[in-house]
C-alpha cells in the first residue's frame, strides 16, 4: 500500500506543471475580464466614478490594461511576481470598494482570484515559463543563473 501511495504521489509531483495550470487559468480570467472592460470602457469609467475613483475613466483604463497585460504576463510566465502582486492588490481593493459588509459569498470570486494571484507572486513562474527570472535557490531576480546572491555574501 505504501508503494502505491508513493507511486501516485510521485506521479503528481510536478510543481512547474501545477504552477503553469494556475498561471494559465488565473491569467486567462484576468485577460478576458480586462478585454470586457476595454470593450465598455466608458461604462466601466462611470461605474468606477460611482465607486469614488476619480477620474473614473482613467481608473477604468488603468485596471483594464493591468488585467490584460498582467493576465498575459501570468500566462507567459513573464514578471509573474510583480503582476501577481499587482493583481492580488487589485482584487483586494475591489472587495473593499464594492462593500466588504456584503459578506463572504458576495466576494468568493474576487477572493479566489486574489489568493491565486498572491500564490503566483509568492511561488514565481516555475520552469514552464517564457522567461523564468527567479533564482532556483533563493527566489531573487538579481542572480545571474551561475551564481546565487545568497552564496556570494
C-alpha atoms as a PDB file:
ATOM      1  CA  UNK A   1       0.000   0.000   0.000  1.00  0.00           C
ATOM      2  CA  UNK A   2       2.872   2.338   0.810  1.00  0.00           C
ATOM      3  CA  UNK A   3       4.463   1.741  -2.599  1.00  0.00           C
ATOM      4  CA  UNK A   4       1.181   2.552  -4.322  1.00  0.00           C
ATOM      5  CA  UNK A   5       0.817   5.754  -2.313  1.00  0.00           C
ATOM      6  CA  UNK A   6       4.394   6.748  -3.193  1.00  0.00           C
ATOM      7  CA  UNK A   7       3.853   5.962  -6.873  1.00  0.00           C
ATOM      8  CA  UNK A   8       0.704   8.085  -7.012  1.00  0.00           C
ATOM      9  CA  UNK A   9       2.421  10.882  -5.104  1.00  0.00           C
ATOM     10  CA  UNK A  10       5.429  10.868  -7.463  1.00  0.00           C
ATOM     11  CA  UNK A  11       3.136  10.819 -10.498  1.00  0.00           C
ATOM     12  CA  UNK A  12       1.512  14.074  -9.357  1.00  0.00           C
ATOM     13  CA  UNK A  13       4.774  15.721  -8.222  1.00  0.00           C
ATOM     14  CA  UNK A  14       5.124  18.277 -10.980  1.00  0.00           C
ATOM     15  CA  UNK A  15       5.357  21.683  -9.348  1.00  0.00           C
ATOM     16  CA  UNK A  16       6.061  23.521 -12.591  1.00  0.00           C
ATOM     17  CA  UNK A  17       3.052  21.921 -14.278  1.00  0.00           C
ATOM     18  CA  UNK A  18       0.913  22.922 -11.307  1.00  0.00           C
ATOM     19  CA  UNK A  19       2.175  26.495 -11.439  1.00  0.00           C
ATOM     20  CA  UNK A  20       1.557  26.593 -15.187  1.00  0.00           C
ATOM     21  CA  UNK A  21      -2.030  25.408 -14.732  1.00  0.00           C
ATOM     22  CA  UNK A  22      -2.617  28.038 -12.038  1.00  0.00           C
ATOM     23  CA  UNK A  23      -0.959  30.765 -14.129  1.00  0.00           C
ATOM     24  CA  UNK A  24      -2.898  29.778 -17.248  1.00  0.00           C
ATOM     25  CA  UNK A  25      -6.357  29.797 -15.681  1.00  0.00           C
ATOM     26  CA  UNK A  26      -5.783  32.865 -13.485  1.00  0.00           C
ATOM     27  CA  UNK A  27      -4.207  34.797 -16.353  1.00  0.00           C
ATOM     28  CA  UNK A  28      -6.978  33.814 -18.764  1.00  0.00           C
ATOM     29  CA  UNK A  29      -9.665  35.039 -16.363  1.00  0.00           C
ATOM     30  CA  UNK A  30      -7.885  38.381 -15.957  1.00  0.00           C
ATOM     31  CA  UNK A  31      -7.329  38.777 -19.724  1.00  0.00           C
ATOM     32  CA  UNK A  32     -10.977  38.071 -20.523  1.00  0.00           C
ATOM     33  CA  UNK A  33     -12.284  40.411 -17.816  1.00  0.00           C
ATOM     34  CA  UNK A  34      -9.831  43.133 -18.871  1.00  0.00           C
ATOM     35  CA  UNK A  35     -10.870  42.774 -22.519  1.00  0.00           C
ATOM     36  CA  UNK A  36     -14.512  43.067 -21.469  1.00  0.00           C
ATOM     37  CA  UNK A  37     -13.665  46.293 -19.635  1.00  0.00           C
ATOM     38  CA  UNK A  38     -11.859  47.651 -22.704  1.00  0.00           C
ATOM     39  CA  UNK A  39     -14.958  46.923 -24.796  1.00  0.00           C
ATOM     40  CA  UNK A  40     -17.145  49.019 -22.500  1.00  0.00           C
ATOM     41  CA  UNK A  41     -14.575  51.500 -21.196  1.00  0.00           C
ATOM     42  CA  UNK A  42     -16.965  54.457 -20.854  1.00  0.00           C
ATOM     43  CA  UNK A  43     -19.446  52.391 -18.855  1.00  0.00           C
ATOM     44  CA  UNK A  44     -16.689  50.992 -16.644  1.00  0.00           C
ATOM     45  CA  UNK A  45     -15.339  54.525 -16.137  1.00  0.00           C
ATOM     46  CA  UNK A  46     -18.767  55.700 -14.991  1.00  0.00           C
ATOM     47  CA  UNK A  47     -19.005  52.735 -12.598  1.00  0.00           C
ATOM     48  CA  UNK A  48     -15.573  53.496 -11.126  1.00  0.00           C
ATOM     49  CA  UNK A  49     -16.590  57.147 -10.747  1.00  0.00           C
ATOM     50  CA  UNK A  50     -19.698  55.976  -8.871  1.00  0.00           C
ATOM     51  CA  UNK A  51     -17.432  53.988  -6.532  1.00  0.00           C
ATOM     52  CA  UNK A  52     -15.478  57.152  -5.777  1.00  0.00           C
ATOM     53  CA  UNK A  53     -12.467  56.542  -8.014  1.00  0.00           C
ATOM     54  CA  UNK A  54     -11.985  59.914  -9.683  1.00  0.00           C
ATOM     55  CA  UNK A  55     -11.309  60.316 -12.543  1.00  0.00           C
ATOM     56  CA  UNK A  56     -13.269  57.165 -13.292  1.00  0.00           C
ATOM     57  CA  UNK A  57     -12.221  56.868 -16.927  1.00  0.00           C
ATOM     58  CA  UNK A  58      -8.524  56.980 -16.011  1.00  0.00           C
ATOM     59  CA  UNK A  59      -9.027  54.196 -13.462  1.00  0.00           C
ATOM     60  CA  UNK A  60     -11.046  52.175 -15.986  1.00  0.00           C
ATOM     61  CA  UNK A  61      -8.183  52.313 -18.494  1.00  0.00           C
ATOM     62  CA  UNK A  62      -5.622  51.523 -15.797  1.00  0.00           C
ATOM     63  CA  UNK A  63      -7.495  48.485 -14.428  1.00  0.00           C
ATOM     64  CA  UNK A  64      -8.450  47.158 -17.879  1.00  0.00           C
ATOM     65  CA  UNK A  65      -4.868  47.385 -19.146  1.00  0.00           C
ATOM     66  CA  UNK A  66      -3.498  45.926 -15.903  1.00  0.00           C
ATOM     67  CA  UNK A  67      -5.792  42.926 -16.288  1.00  0.00           C
ATOM     68  CA  UNK A  68      -4.996  42.368 -19.980  1.00  0.00           C
ATOM     69  CA  UNK A  69      -1.230  42.921 -19.703  1.00  0.00           C
ATOM     70  CA  UNK A  70      -0.897  41.328 -16.269  1.00  0.00           C
ATOM     71  CA  UNK A  71      -3.024  38.326 -17.210  1.00  0.00           C
ATOM     72  CA  UNK A  72      -0.981  37.831 -20.376  1.00  0.00           C
ATOM     73  CA  UNK A  73       2.231  38.053 -18.347  1.00  0.00           C
ATOM     74  CA  UNK A  74       0.945  35.386 -15.944  1.00  0.00           C
ATOM     75  CA  UNK A  75       0.097  33.063 -18.824  1.00  0.00           C
ATOM     76  CA  UNK A  76       3.512  33.531 -20.430  1.00  0.00           C
ATOM     77  CA  UNK A  77       5.403  33.434 -17.137  1.00  0.00           C
ATOM     78  CA  UNK A  78       6.915  36.909 -17.509  1.00  0.00           C
ATOM     79  CA  UNK A  79       7.355  39.100 -14.390  1.00  0.00           C
ATOM     80  CA  UNK A  80       4.907  36.861 -12.541  1.00  0.00           C
ATOM     81  CA  UNK A  81       5.874  38.111  -9.083  1.00  0.00           C
ATOM     82  CA  UNK A  82       5.212  41.747  -9.984  1.00  0.00           C
ATOM     83  CA  UNK A  83       1.961  41.169 -11.862  1.00  0.00           C
ATOM     84  CA  UNK A  84       0.749  38.564  -9.378  1.00  0.00           C
ATOM     85  CA  UNK A  85       1.167  41.077  -6.542  1.00  0.00           C
ATOM     86  CA  UNK A  86      -0.496  43.902  -8.512  1.00  0.00           C
ATOM     87  CA  UNK A  87      -3.463  41.749  -9.495  1.00  0.00           C
ATOM     88  CA  UNK A  88      -3.875  40.475  -5.921  1.00  0.00           C
ATOM     89  CA  UNK A  89      -3.903  44.072  -4.670  1.00  0.00           C
ATOM     90  CA  UNK A  90      -6.470  44.939  -7.333  1.00  0.00           C
ATOM     91  CA  UNK A  91      -8.785  42.156  -6.189  1.00  0.00           C
ATOM     92  CA  UNK A  92      -8.498  43.130  -2.511  1.00  0.00           C
ATOM     93  CA  UNK A  93      -9.258  46.746  -3.471  1.00  0.00           C
ATOM     94  CA  UNK A  94     -12.277  45.544  -5.481  1.00  0.00           C
ATOM     95  CA  UNK A  95     -13.597  43.726  -2.405  1.00  0.00           C
ATOM     96  CA  UNK A  96     -13.301  46.837  -0.252  1.00  0.00           C
ATOM     97  CA  UNK A  97     -14.669  49.206  -2.907  1.00  0.00           C
ATOM     98  CA  UNK A  98     -17.768  47.102  -3.585  1.00  0.00           C
ATOM     99  CA  UNK A  99     -18.568  46.608   0.091  1.00  0.00           C
ATOM    100  CA  UNK A 100     -16.980  44.170   2.483  1.00  0.00           C
ATOM    101  CA  UNK A 101     -20.193  44.194   4.505  1.00  0.00           C
ATOM    102  CA  UNK A 102     -21.981  42.251   1.773  1.00  0.00           C
ATOM    103  CA  UNK A 103     -20.477  39.069   3.196  1.00  0.00           C
ATOM    104  CA  UNK A 104     -18.241  36.259   2.078  1.00  0.00           C
ATOM    105  CA  UNK A 105     -20.461  34.815  -0.630  1.00  0.00           C
ATOM    106  CA  UNK A 106     -20.583  38.156  -2.467  1.00  0.00           C
ATOM    107  CA  UNK A 107     -16.797  38.159  -2.817  1.00  0.00           C
ATOM    108  CA  UNK A 108     -15.843  34.499  -3.297  1.00  0.00           C
ATOM    109  CA  UNK A 109     -14.665  35.042  -6.883  1.00  0.00           C
ATOM    110  CA  UNK A 110     -12.522  38.065  -6.005  1.00  0.00           C
ATOM    111  CA  UNK A 111     -11.049  36.225  -3.012  1.00  0.00           C
ATOM    112  CA  UNK A 112     -10.160  33.239  -5.158  1.00  0.00           C
ATOM    113  CA  UNK A 113      -8.506  35.448  -7.779  1.00  0.00           C
ATOM    114  CA  UNK A 114      -6.638  37.384  -5.076  1.00  0.00           C
ATOM    115  CA  UNK A 115      -5.390  34.153  -3.495  1.00  0.00           C
ATOM    116  CA  UNK A 116      -4.376  32.697  -6.876  1.00  0.00           C
ATOM    117  CA  UNK A 117      -2.533  35.862  -7.893  1.00  0.00           C
ATOM    118  CA  UNK A 118      -0.818  36.050  -4.495  1.00  0.00           C
ATOM    119  CA  UNK A 119       0.211  32.390  -4.725  1.00  0.00           C
ATOM    120  CA  UNK A 120       1.764  33.075  -8.129  1.00  0.00           C
ATOM    121  CA  UNK A 121       3.548  36.150  -6.738  1.00  0.00           C
ATOM    122  CA  UNK A 122       4.951  34.114  -3.842  1.00  0.00           C
ATOM    123  CA  UNK A 123       5.882  30.982  -5.808  1.00  0.00           C
ATOM    124  CA  UNK A 124       7.157  32.590  -9.007  1.00  0.00           C
ATOM    125  CA  UNK A 125       6.685  31.383 -12.533  1.00  0.00           C
ATOM    126  CA  UNK A 126       8.001  27.824 -12.333  1.00  0.00           C
ATOM    127  CA  UNK A 127      10.057  26.160 -15.050  1.00  0.00           C
ATOM    128  CA  UNK A 128       7.324  26.286 -17.685  1.00  0.00           C
ATOM    129  CA  UNK A 129       7.582  29.961 -18.498  1.00  0.00           C
ATOM    130  CA  UNK A 130       8.737  32.143 -21.330  1.00  0.00           C
ATOM    131  CA  UNK A 131      11.167  33.993 -19.071  1.00  0.00           C
ATOM    132  CA  UNK A 132      11.982  32.411 -15.735  1.00  0.00           C
ATOM    133  CA  UNK A 133      13.528  35.274 -13.788  1.00  0.00           C
ATOM    134  CA  UNK A 134      13.726  33.712 -10.339  1.00  0.00           C
ATOM    135  CA  UNK A 135      16.827  32.022  -8.937  1.00  0.00           C
ATOM    136  CA  UNK A 136      16.085  28.397  -8.051  1.00  0.00           C
ATOM    137  CA  UNK A 137      17.938  28.679  -4.728  1.00  0.00           C
ATOM    138  CA  UNK A 138      16.794  31.978  -3.269  1.00  0.00           C
ATOM    139  CA  UNK A 139      13.958  33.281  -5.484  1.00  0.00           C
ATOM    140  CA  UNK A 140      15.728  36.559  -6.229  1.00  0.00           C
ATOM    141  CA  UNK A 141      15.751  38.100  -9.684  1.00  0.00           C
ATOM    142  CA  UNK A 142      19.245  39.567  -9.241  1.00  0.00           C
ATOM    143  CA  UNK A 143      21.032  36.238  -9.653  1.00  0.00           C
ATOM    144  CA  UNK A 144      22.700  35.681 -12.998  1.00  0.00           C
ATOM    145  CA  UNK A 145      21.955  31.972 -13.322  1.00  0.00           C
ATOM    146  CA  UNK A 146      25.506  30.893 -12.494  1.00  0.00           C
ATOM    147  CA  UNK A 147      25.871  32.394  -9.034  1.00  0.00           C
ATOM    148  CA  UNK A 148      23.292  32.964  -6.339  1.00  0.00           C
ATOM    149  CA  UNK A 149      23.118  36.222  -4.400  1.00  0.00           C
ATOM    150  CA  UNK A 150      22.847  34.244  -1.146  1.00  0.00           C
ATOM    151  CA  UNK A 151      26.016  32.237  -1.763  1.00  0.00           C
ATOM    152  CA  UNK A 152      28.171  35.234  -2.733  1.00  0.00           C
ATOM    153  CA  UNK A 153      27.857  37.154   0.548  1.00  0.00           C
END
